[in-house]
Amino acid sequence: MEKKVFVQEVKRIRKKIEQEFPGDPALQEVHIARKIISKEAEIEGMSLGKYIRFLELKREKLEKQSS
């Protein structure tokens, strides 16, 4: 899968989330992932829900091709 969010953006997101949820690494990871996916959806010009469905369809297509 190609990278759509730059490393600097991920670092900025991580720093912000670590400040919002100090002392809870699991919650931080969930929110970091959500923010990155939201940013990818924005780059693709899709809503978050539409982008998640797009990723699911893409995954299903790849699974069918590999079986």
C-alpha atoms as a PDB file:
ATOM      1  CA  MET A   1       0.000   0.000   0.000  1.00  0.00           C
ATOM      2  CA  GLU A   2       1.379   3.417  -0.925  1.00  0.00           C
ATOM      3  CA  LYS A   3       2.045   6.060   1.687  1.00  0.00           C
ATOM      4  CA  LYS A   4      -0.360   8.967   1.542  1.00  0.00           C
ATOM      5  CA  VAL A   5       0.472  10.752   4.781  1.00  0.00           C
ATOM      6  CA  PHE A   6       3.960  12.173   5.179  1.00  0.00           C
ATOM      7  CA  VAL A   7       6.199  11.200   8.088  1.00  0.00           C
ATOM      8  CA  GLN A   8       6.143  14.780   9.429  1.00  0.00           C
ATOM      9  CA  GLU A   9       2.342  14.689   9.539  1.00  0.00           C
ATOM     10  CA  VAL A  10       2.380  11.375  11.422  1.00  0.00           C
ATOM     11  CA  LYS A  11       4.859  12.798  13.929  1.00  0.00           C
ATOM     12  CA  ARG A  12       2.649  15.855  14.431  1.00  0.00           C
ATOM     13  CA  ILE A  13      -0.422  13.655  14.929  1.00  0.00           C
ATOM     14  CA  ARG A  14       1.445  11.386  17.365  1.00  0.00           C
ATOM     15  CA  LYS A  15       2.680  14.307  19.452  1.00  0.00           C
ATOM     16  CA  LYS A  16      -0.788  15.861  19.664  1.00  0.00           C
ATOM     17  CA  ILE A  17      -2.466  12.573  20.617  1.00  0.00           C
ATOM     18  CA  GLU A  18       0.194  11.766  23.232  1.00  0.00           C
ATOM     19  CA  GLN A  19      -0.609  15.106  24.887  1.00  0.00           C
ATOM     20  CA  GLU A  20      -4.360  14.445  24.757  1.00  0.00           C
ATOM     21  CA  PHE A  21      -4.084  10.913  26.225  1.00  0.00           C
ATOM     22  CA  PRO A  22      -0.998  10.802  28.457  1.00  0.00           C
ATOM     23  CA  GLY A  23      -0.241   7.496  30.143  1.00  0.00           C
ATOM     24  CA  ASP A  24      -2.526   5.392  27.893  1.00  0.00           C
ATOM     25  CA  PRO A  25      -0.501   4.024  24.959  1.00  0.00           C
ATOM     26  CA  ALA A  26      -3.306   1.768  23.715  1.00  0.00           C
ATOM     27  CA  LEU A  27      -5.764   4.640  23.462  1.00  0.00           C
ATOM     28  CA  GLN A  28      -3.076   6.754  21.827  1.00  0.00           C
ATOM     29  CA  GLU A  29      -2.496   4.131  19.112  1.00  0.00           C
ATOM     30  CA  VAL A  30      -6.215   3.875  18.342  1.00  0.00           C
ATOM     31  CA  HIS A  31      -6.559   7.632  17.978  1.00  0.00           C
ATOM     32  CA  ILE A  32      -3.353   7.950  15.965  1.00  0.00           C
ATOM     33  CA  ALA A  33      -4.582   5.291  13.523  1.00  0.00           C
ATOM     34  CA  ARG A  34      -7.976   6.988  13.248  1.00  0.00           C
ATOM     35  CA  LYS A  35      -6.374  10.371  12.538  1.00  0.00           C
ATOM     36  CA  ILE A  36      -4.081   8.899   9.866  1.00  0.00           C
ATOM     37  CA  ILE A  37      -6.983   7.133   8.153  1.00  0.00           C
ATOM     38  CA  SER A  38      -9.024  10.342   8.321  1.00  0.00           C
ATOM     39  CA  LYS A  39      -6.166  12.248   6.689  1.00  0.00           C
ATOM     40  CA  GLU A  40      -5.894   9.605   3.927  1.00  0.00           C
ATOM     41  CA  ALA A  41      -9.639   9.888   3.312  1.00  0.00           C
ATOM     42  CA  GLU A  42      -9.310  13.655   3.050  1.00  0.00           C
ATOM     43  CA  ILE A  43      -6.458  13.288   0.544  1.00  0.00           C
ATOM     44  CA  GLU A  44      -8.604  10.903  -1.530  1.00  0.00           C
ATOM     45  CA  GLY A  45     -11.560  13.307  -1.351  1.00  0.00           C
ATOM     46  CA  MET A  46     -13.782  10.827   0.508  1.00  0.00           C
ATOM     47  CA  SER A  47     -15.638  10.818   3.778  1.00  0.00           C
ATOM     48  CA  LEU A  48     -14.141   8.634   6.492  1.00  0.00           C
ATOM     49  CA  GLY A  49     -16.928   6.040   6.202  1.00  0.00           C
ATOM     50  CA  LYS A  50     -16.663   5.891   2.414  1.00  0.00           C
ATOM     51  CA  TYR A  51     -12.875   5.518   2.603  1.00  0.00           C
ATOM     52  CA  ILE A  52     -13.143   2.671   5.125  1.00  0.00           C
ATOM     53  CA  ARG A  53     -15.608   0.873   2.834  1.00  0.00           C
ATOM     54  CA  PHE A  54     -13.210   1.489  -0.078  1.00  0.00           C
ATOM     55  CA  LEU A  55     -10.343  -0.089   1.896  1.00  0.00           C
ATOM     56  CA  GLU A  56     -12.517  -3.074   2.826  1.00  0.00           C
ATOM     57  CA  LEU A  57     -13.478  -3.680  -0.813  1.00  0.00           C
ATOM     58  CA  LYS A  58      -9.830  -3.353  -1.830  1.00  0.00           C
ATOM     59  CA  ARG A  59      -8.812  -5.913   0.823  1.00  0.00           C
ATOM     60  CA  GLU A  60     -11.544  -8.341  -0.283  1.00  0.00           C
ATOM     61  CA  LYS A  61     -10.441  -8.009  -3.907  1.00  0.00           C
ATOM     62  CA  LEU A  62      -6.819  -8.765  -2.984  1.00  0.00           C
ATOM     63  CA  GLU A  63      -7.883 -11.799  -0.908  1.00  0.00           C
ATOM     64  CA  LYS A  64      -9.883 -13.213  -3.835  1.00  0.00           C
ATOM     65  CA  GLN A  65      -6.927 -12.739  -6.181  1.00  0.00           C
ATOM     66  CA  SER A  66      -4.557 -14.552  -3.834  1.00  0.00           C
ATOM     67  CA  SER A  67      -6.829 -17.579  -3.318  1.00  0.00           C
END
